[in-house]
C-alpha atoms as a PDB file:
ATOM      1  CA  HIS A   1     -12.402 -12.004  16.798  1.00  0.00           C
ATOM      2  CA  MET A   2     -11.890 -13.359  13.312  1.00  0.00           C
ATOM      3  CA  VAL A   3     -14.934 -12.898  11.090  1.00  0.00           C
ATOM      4  CA  GLU A   4     -13.863 -14.635   7.883  1.00  0.00           C
ATOM      5  CA  MET A   5     -10.798 -15.453   5.798  1.00  0.00           C
ATOM      6  CA  LEU A   6     -10.573 -13.309   2.669  1.00  0.00           C
ATOM      7  CA  THR A   7      -7.727 -14.900   0.688  1.00  0.00           C
ATOM      8  CA  GLY A   8      -6.603 -18.465   0.031  1.00  0.00           C
ATOM      9  CA  GLU A   9      -8.544 -21.429  -1.304  1.00  0.00           C
ATOM     10  CA  TYR A  10     -10.374 -22.023   1.978  1.00  0.00           C
ATOM     11  CA  SER A  11     -11.646 -18.451   2.147  1.00  0.00           C
ATOM     12  CA  ILE A  12     -15.024 -17.156   1.019  1.00  0.00           C
ATOM     13  CA  ASN A  13     -13.323 -15.783  -2.114  1.00  0.00           C
ATOM     14  CA  ARG A  14     -11.427 -18.969  -3.106  1.00  0.00           C
ATOM     15  CA  THR A  15      -8.654 -16.787  -4.467  1.00  0.00           C
ATOM     16  CA  LYS A  16      -6.233 -19.610  -5.265  1.00  0.00           C
ATOM     17  CA  SER A  17      -8.351 -21.237  -7.975  1.00  0.00           C
ATOM     18  CA  ARG A  18     -10.022 -18.006  -9.058  1.00  0.00           C
ATOM     19  CA  ASN A  19      -7.100 -15.548  -8.967  1.00  0.00           C
ATOM     20  CA  GLY A  20      -3.868 -17.485  -8.409  1.00  0.00           C
ATOM     21  CA  VAL A  21      -3.569 -16.162  -4.846  1.00  0.00           C
ATOM     22  CA  GLY A  22      -2.818 -18.997  -2.429  1.00  0.00           C
ATOM     23  CA  GLY A  23      -1.356 -16.745   0.244  1.00  0.00           C
ATOM     24  CA  THR A  24      -0.625 -13.045   0.622  1.00  0.00           C
ATOM     25  CA  ASP A  25       0.278 -10.314   3.096  1.00  0.00           C
ATOM     26  CA  LEU A  26      -1.306  -7.177   4.524  1.00  0.00           C
ATOM     27  CA  GLY A  27      -4.531  -5.662   3.158  1.00  0.00           C
ATOM     28  CA  VAL A  28      -4.548  -1.888   2.614  1.00  0.00           C
ATOM     29  CA  ILE A  29      -8.154  -0.698   2.126  1.00  0.00           C
ATOM     30  CA  TRP A  30      -9.397   2.528   0.533  1.00  0.00           C
ATOM     31  CA  GLY A  31     -12.167   3.844  -1.687  1.00  0.00           C
ATOM     32  CA  THR A  32     -15.135   6.145  -1.859  1.00  0.00           C
ATOM     33  CA  GLY A  33     -18.831   5.705  -2.477  1.00  0.00           C
ATOM     34  CA  GLU A  34     -19.887   2.165  -3.269  1.00  0.00           C
ATOM     35  CA  LYS A  35     -16.560   0.556  -4.206  1.00  0.00           C
ATOM     36  CA  LEU A  36     -13.551  -0.408  -2.113  1.00  0.00           C
ATOM     37  CA  PHE A  37     -10.049  -1.500  -3.129  1.00  0.00           C
ATOM     38  CA  ILE A  38      -7.770  -3.800  -1.119  1.00  0.00           C
ATOM     39  CA  ALA A  39      -4.042  -3.911  -1.952  1.00  0.00           C
ATOM     40  CA  PHE A  40      -2.002  -6.862  -0.700  1.00  0.00           C
ATOM     41  CA  GLY A  41       1.756  -7.295  -0.338  1.00  0.00           C
ATOM     42  CA  ASP A  42       3.939 -10.289  -1.248  1.00  0.00           C
ATOM     43  CA  THR A  43       1.696 -12.896  -2.870  1.00  0.00           C
ATOM     44  CA  PHE A  44       2.252 -16.527  -3.828  1.00  0.00           C
ATOM     45  CA  LEU A  45       0.279 -19.256  -5.562  1.00  0.00           C
ATOM     46  CA  ASN A  46       1.537 -22.114  -3.402  1.00  0.00           C
ATOM     47  CA  GLU A  47       3.641 -22.959  -0.370  1.00  0.00           C
ATOM     48  CA  PRO A  48       6.586 -22.826   0.009  1.00  0.00           C
ATOM     49  CA  GLN A  49       6.813 -19.152  -0.873  1.00  0.00           C
ATOM     50  CA  SER A  50       8.427 -19.429  -4.277  1.00  0.00           C
ATOM     51  CA  ASP A  51       5.695 -20.078  -6.829  1.00  0.00           C
ATOM     52  CA  ASN A  52       4.371 -17.145  -8.876  1.00  0.00           C
ATOM     53  CA  TRP A  53       5.765 -14.505  -6.529  1.00  0.00           C
ATOM     54  CA  ARG A  54       4.122 -11.119  -7.016  1.00  0.00           C
ATOM     55  CA  SER A  55       5.131  -8.191  -4.837  1.00  0.00           C
ATOM     56  CA  ASN A  56       1.630  -6.735  -4.752  1.00  0.00           C
ATOM     57  CA  VAL A  57      -1.886  -7.487  -6.009  1.00  0.00           C
ATOM     58  CA  LEU A  58      -5.244  -5.708  -5.868  1.00  0.00           C
ATOM     59  CA  ALA A  59      -8.814  -6.811  -5.116  1.00  0.00           C
ATOM     60  CA  TYR A  60     -11.978  -4.733  -5.435  1.00  0.00           C
ATOM     61  CA  THR A  61     -15.420  -5.105  -3.921  1.00  0.00           C
ATOM     62  CA  THR A  62     -18.854  -3.529  -3.635  1.00  0.00           C
ATOM     63  CA  ASP A  63     -19.653  -5.640  -0.539  1.00  0.00           C
ATOM     64  CA  LEU A  64     -19.882  -3.042   2.217  1.00  0.00           C
ATOM     65  CA  ASP A  65     -21.422  -5.362   4.849  1.00  0.00           C
ATOM     66  CA  TYR A  66     -18.399  -6.675   6.734  1.00  0.00           C
ATOM     67  CA  THR A  67     -20.327  -8.647   9.366  1.00  0.00           C
ATOM     68  CA  ASP A  68     -20.007 -11.860   7.328  1.00  0.00           C
ATOM     69  CA  GLY A  69     -16.658 -11.138   5.676  1.00  0.00           C
ATOM     70  CA  ILE A  70     -15.939  -9.283   2.428  1.00  0.00           C
ATOM     71  CA  LEU A  71     -16.800 -10.873  -0.895  1.00  0.00           C
ATOM     72  CA  PHE A  72     -14.539  -9.714  -3.716  1.00  0.00           C
ATOM     73  CA  ASP A  73     -16.094  -8.655  -6.986  1.00  0.00           C
ATOM     74  CA  GLY A  74     -12.756  -9.587  -8.514  1.00  0.00           C
ATOM     75  CA  MET A  75      -9.019  -8.944  -8.624  1.00  0.00           C
ATOM     76  CA  ILE A  76      -6.951  -7.019 -11.176  1.00  0.00           C
ATOM     77  CA  GLU A  77      -5.486  -9.735 -13.432  1.00  0.00           C
ATOM     78  CA  ASN A  78      -2.873  -9.907 -16.165  1.00  0.00           C
ATOM     79  CA  LYS A  79      -4.573 -13.021 -17.556  1.00  0.00           C
ATOM     80  CA  PRO A  80      -7.709 -14.916 -16.532  1.00  0.00           C
ATOM     81  CA  GLY A  81      -7.192 -16.635 -13.192  1.00  0.00           C
ATOM     82  CA  MET A  82      -3.933 -14.874 -12.266  1.00  0.00           C
ATOM     83  CA  ALA A  83      -3.823 -11.685 -10.176  1.00  0.00           C
ATOM     84  CA  LYS A  84      -1.513  -9.067 -11.659  1.00  0.00           C
ATOM     85  CA  GLU A  85       1.581  -7.601 -10.026  1.00  0.00           C
ATOM     86  CA  LEU A  86       0.770  -3.876  -9.902  1.00  0.00           C
ATOM     87  CA  LEU A  87       4.293  -2.560  -9.265  1.00  0.00           C
ATOM     88  CA  ARG A  88       7.132  -4.835 -10.302  1.00  0.00           C
ATOM     89  CA  GLY A  89       9.426  -5.894  -7.489  1.00  0.00           C
ATOM     90  CA  ARG A  90      12.893  -6.857  -8.741  1.00  0.00           C
ATOM     91  CA  LYS A  91      13.312  -9.851  -6.356  1.00  0.00           C
ATOM     92  CA  ALA A  92      17.055  -9.181  -6.089  1.00  0.00           C
ATOM     93  CA  ASP A  93      18.625  -9.173  -2.621  1.00  0.00           C
ATOM     94  CA  ASN A  94      20.482  -5.968  -1.691  1.00  0.00           C
ATOM     95  CA  VAL A  95      19.066  -4.332  -4.821  1.00  0.00           C
ATOM     96  CA  GLU A  96      15.309  -4.546  -4.427  1.00  0.00           C
ATOM     97  CA  MET A  97      13.510  -7.519  -2.971  1.00  0.00           C
ATOM     98  CA  THR A  98       9.951  -6.241  -3.299  1.00  0.00           C
ATOM     99  CA  LYS A  99       7.570  -3.283  -3.368  1.00  0.00           C
ATOM    100  CA  ILE A 100       4.941  -3.484  -0.612  1.00  0.00           C
ATOM    101  CA  PRO A 101       1.833  -1.265  -0.315  1.00  0.00           C
ATOM    102  CA  THR A 102       1.608   0.721   2.930  1.00  0.00           C
ATOM    103  CA  GLY A 103      -1.363   3.080   2.408  1.00  0.00           C
ATOM    104  CA  ALA A 104      -3.655   4.560  -0.225  1.00  0.00           C
ATOM    105  CA  PHE A 105      -6.478   6.982  -0.934  1.00  0.00           C
ATOM    106  CA  GLN A 106      -8.670   8.147  -3.801  1.00  0.00           C
ATOM    107  CA  MET A 107      -9.044  11.723  -5.021  1.00  0.00           C
ATOM    108  CA  GLY A 108     -11.661  12.079  -7.735  1.00  0.00           C
ATOM    109  CA  GLU A 109     -10.876   9.505 -10.413  1.00  0.00           C
ATOM    110  CA  THR A 110      -7.234   9.199  -9.344  1.00  0.00           C
ATOM    111  CA  HIS A 111      -5.941   6.572  -6.927  1.00  0.00           C
ATOM    112  CA  TYR A 112      -2.678   7.096  -5.021  1.00  0.00           C
ATOM    113  CA  LEU A 113      -0.840   4.106  -3.523  1.00  0.00           C
ATOM    114  CA  SER A 114       2.052   4.529  -1.080  1.00  0.00           C
ATOM    115  CA  PHE A 115       4.607   1.714  -1.060  1.00  0.00           C
ATOM    116  CA  MET A 116       8.008   0.831   0.322  1.00  0.00           C
ATOM    117  CA  SER A 117      10.869  -0.540  -1.740  1.00  0.00           C
ATOM    118  CA  VAL A 118      12.572  -3.215   0.380  1.00  0.00           C
ATOM    119  CA  LYS A 119      16.303  -3.657  -0.253  1.00  0.00           C
ATOM    120  CA  HIS A 120      17.047  -6.504   2.165  1.00  0.00           C
ATOM    121  CA  TRP A 121      15.178  -8.639   4.680  1.00  0.00           C
ATOM    122  CA  GLY A 122      17.012  -8.838   8.008  1.00  0.00           C
ATOM    123  CA  GLN A 123      16.045 -10.637  11.182  1.00  0.00           C
ATOM    124  CA  ALA A 124      12.365 -11.286  11.811  1.00  0.00           C
ATOM    125  CA  GLY A 125      10.560  -7.938  11.788  1.00  0.00           C
ATOM    126  CA  GLU A 126      13.566  -6.022  10.444  1.00  0.00           C
ATOM    127  CA  TRP A 127      14.429  -4.854   6.952  1.00  0.00           C
ATOM    128  CA  ILE A 128      16.340  -2.223   4.993  1.00  0.00           C
ATOM    129  CA  CYS A 129      14.398   0.172   2.763  1.00  0.00           C
ATOM    130  CA  ASN A 130      15.508   1.748  -0.498  1.00  0.00           C
ATOM    131  CA  TYR A 131      12.836   4.435  -0.391  1.00  0.00           C
ATOM    132  CA  GLY A 132       9.195   5.204   0.248  1.00  0.00           C
ATOM    133  CA  GLY A 133       7.304   6.027  -2.923  1.00  0.00           C
ATOM    134  CA  VAL A 134       3.930   6.775  -4.450  1.00  0.00           C
ATOM    135  CA  ALA A 135       2.213   5.349  -7.525  1.00  0.00           C
ATOM    136  CA  LYS A 136      -1.000   6.524  -9.148  1.00  0.00           C
ATOM    137  CA  SER A 137      -3.730   4.989 -11.266  1.00  0.00           C
ATOM    138  CA  THR A 138      -6.390   6.723 -13.342  1.00  0.00           C
ATOM    139  CA  ASP A 139      -8.117   3.560 -14.632  1.00  0.00           C
ATOM    140  CA  GLU A 140      -9.622   1.998 -11.498  1.00  0.00           C
ATOM    141  CA  GLY A 141      -6.383   0.319 -10.443  1.00  0.00           C
ATOM    142  CA  ARG A 142      -5.667  -1.630 -13.615  1.00  0.00           C
ATOM    143  CA  ASN A 143      -2.406   0.196 -14.368  1.00  0.00           C
ATOM    144  CA  TRP A 144      -0.087   2.158 -12.086  1.00  0.00           C
ATOM    145  CA  THR A 145       2.630   4.737 -12.690  1.00  0.00           C
ATOM    146  CA  ILE A 146       5.356   5.379 -10.101  1.00  0.00           C
ATOM    147  CA  LEU A 147       5.813   9.099  -9.437  1.00  0.00           C
ATOM    148  CA  GLU A 148       9.596   9.359  -9.738  1.00  0.00           C
ATOM    149  CA  ASP A 149       9.687  12.862  -8.214  1.00  0.00           C
ATOM    150  CA  LEU A 150       7.788  11.766  -5.095  1.00  0.00           C
ATOM    151  CA  LYS A 151      10.189   9.554  -3.132  1.00  0.00           C
ATOM    152  CA  TRP A 152      11.608   9.688   0.398  1.00  0.00           C
ATOM    153  CA  PRO A 153      14.970   8.008   1.177  1.00  0.00           C
ATOM    154  CA  GLY A 154      14.975   4.688   3.001  1.00  0.00           C
ATOM    155  CA  ASP A 155      16.745   6.180   6.020  1.00  0.00           C
ATOM    156  CA  SER A 156      14.189   8.967   6.324  1.00  0.00           C
ATOM    157  CA  CYS A 157      11.091   8.846   8.526  1.00  0.00           C
ATOM    158  CA  PHE A 158       8.830   8.198   5.544  1.00  0.00           C
ATOM    159  CA  CYS A 159       9.810   4.871   4.051  1.00  0.00           C
ATOM    160  CA  GLN A 160       6.477   3.453   5.229  1.00  0.00           C
ATOM    161  CA  MET A 161       3.676   5.975   4.679  1.00  0.00           C
ATOM    162  CA  VAL A 162      -0.045   6.047   5.413  1.00  0.00           C
ATOM    163  CA  PRO A 163      -1.969   8.971   3.836  1.00  0.00           C
ATOM    164  CA  VAL A 164      -5.275  10.172   5.315  1.00  0.00           C
ATOM    165  CA  VAL A 165      -7.459  12.937   3.874  1.00  0.00           C
ATOM    166  CA  ALA A 166      -8.816  15.198   6.642  1.00  0.00           C
ATOM    167  CA  ASP A 167     -10.053  18.776   6.639  1.00  0.00           C
ATOM    168  CA  ASP A 168      -8.184  20.619   3.878  1.00  0.00           C
ATOM    169  CA  TYR A 169      -5.043  18.455   3.840  1.00  0.00           C
ATOM    170  CA  VAL A 170      -3.657  15.043   3.096  1.00  0.00           C
ATOM    171  CA  TYR A 171      -1.870  13.979   6.296  1.00  0.00           C
ATOM    172  CA  ILE A 172       0.808  11.311   5.974  1.00  0.00           C
ATOM    173  CA  ALA A 173       2.064   9.362   8.967  1.00  0.00           C
ATOM    174  CA  GLY A 174       5.358   7.587   8.440  1.00  0.00           C
ATOM    175  CA  ILE A 175       8.206   5.616   9.984  1.00  0.00           C
ATOM    176  CA  SER A 176      11.590   4.518   8.718  1.00  0.00           C
ATOM    177  CA  GLY A 177      12.154   1.084   7.218  1.00  0.00           C
ATOM    178  CA  GLY A 178      11.969  -1.998   9.366  1.00  0.00           C
ATOM    179  CA  ARG A 179       9.701  -0.502  12.020  1.00  0.00           C
ATOM    180  CA  ASN A 180      12.624   1.435  13.476  1.00  0.00           C
ATOM    181  CA  GLY A 181      12.162   4.806  15.131  1.00  0.00           C
ATOM    182  CA  SER A 182       9.109   6.787  16.125  1.00  0.00           C
ATOM    183  CA  ALA A 183       6.234   7.894  13.922  1.00  0.00           C
ATOM    184  CA  LYS A 184       6.451  11.259  12.153  1.00  0.00           C
ATOM    185  CA  MET A 185       3.889  13.399  10.320  1.00  0.00           C
ATOM    186  CA  MET A 186       3.780  15.519   7.188  1.00  0.00           C
ATOM    187  CA  ARG A 187       0.958  17.161   5.265  1.00  0.00           C
ATOM    188  CA  VAL A 188       0.180  18.664   1.882  1.00  0.00           C
ATOM    189  CA  MET A 189      -2.788  20.277   0.140  1.00  0.00           C
ATOM    190  CA  PRO A 190      -4.596  17.703  -2.031  1.00  0.00           C
ATOM    191  CA  GLU A 191      -3.999  19.696  -5.228  1.00  0.00           C
ATOM    192  CA  ASP A 192      -0.240  19.696  -4.456  1.00  0.00           C
ATOM    193  CA  TYR A 193       0.024  16.006  -3.604  1.00  0.00           C
ATOM    194  CA  GLU A 194       2.395  15.290  -6.499  1.00  0.00           C
ATOM    195  CA  ASN A 195       4.650  18.287  -5.700  1.00  0.00           C
ATOM    196  CA  PHE A 196       7.466  17.155  -3.383  1.00  0.00           C
ATOM    197  CA  GLU A 197       8.403  20.762  -2.515  1.00  0.00           C
ATOM    198  CA  ALA A 198       4.893  21.526  -1.217  1.00  0.00           C
ATOM    199  CA  TYR A 199       5.052  19.114   1.736  1.00  0.00           C
ATOM    200  CA  GLU A 200       5.206  20.451   5.304  1.00  0.00           C
ATOM    201  CA  TYR A 201       6.600  18.486   8.237  1.00  0.00           C
ATOM    202  CA  LEU A 202       5.382  18.429  11.813  1.00  0.00           C
ATOM    203  CA  VAL A 203       8.206  19.923  13.891  1.00  0.00           C
ATOM    204  CA  GLY A 204       6.533  20.539  17.246  1.00  0.00           C
ATOM    205  CA  LEU A 205       3.728  22.336  19.045  1.00  0.00           C
ATOM    206  CA  THR A 206       2.952  25.984  19.631  1.00  0.00           C
ATOM    207  CA  GLU A 207       2.439  27.407  23.109  1.00  0.00           C
ATOM    208  CA  ASP A 208      -1.275  26.670  22.947  1.00  0.00           C
ATOM    209  CA  GLY A 209      -0.636  23.077  21.901  1.00  0.00           C
ATOM    210  CA  SER A 210      -1.431  23.471  18.214  1.00  0.00           C
ATOM    211  CA  PRO A 211       0.702  21.525  15.733  1.00  0.00           C
ATOM    212  CA  ARG A 212       3.506  23.482  14.074  1.00  0.00           C
ATOM    213  CA  TYR A 213       4.558  22.578  10.527  1.00  0.00           C
ATOM    214  CA  SER A 214       7.600  23.729   8.581  1.00  0.00           C
END
């Protein structure tokens, strides 16, 4: 059941008047220790969806008791009262409409954010992807740099990626753009996360049922 609204003026965070966020999409959560980060997708100040369009914004919180909702400590802003677009979406149809967060994790002081570059919105629930990419921040999410050497083509199985740190690896589940196709899996050692050539892909199972990567 719904516990509490987190964004919008009628939420516990009153993000429209405080952060210029009247409505937004998604909510990718990550963090370690006592602080969590929540990345949102396409964000607008008002309805209809045309005013102050930002492709992505970021909230942070130290409220770890979710039973009464999540109170934000704040949002990353480019000026007081206006949440900042982390990764610029070009807002150009058939070029790049937007960049939407799909997953994230923190490794030491570095934050890694997976995102998809959307080329074109199709029918409801369908879209065409340019690529799946990764950006990183070393200043608590205030500024992000896209890793140009860490991109997967839009027609690959990793346009939409969700990284999870487990055991000695970062495992990344992915699907192609527009929710088409089945889920796939790849992995990489944490220290090699920025090295595209170091990634291994799940290709099947061994005779004893163990996963086989190549």
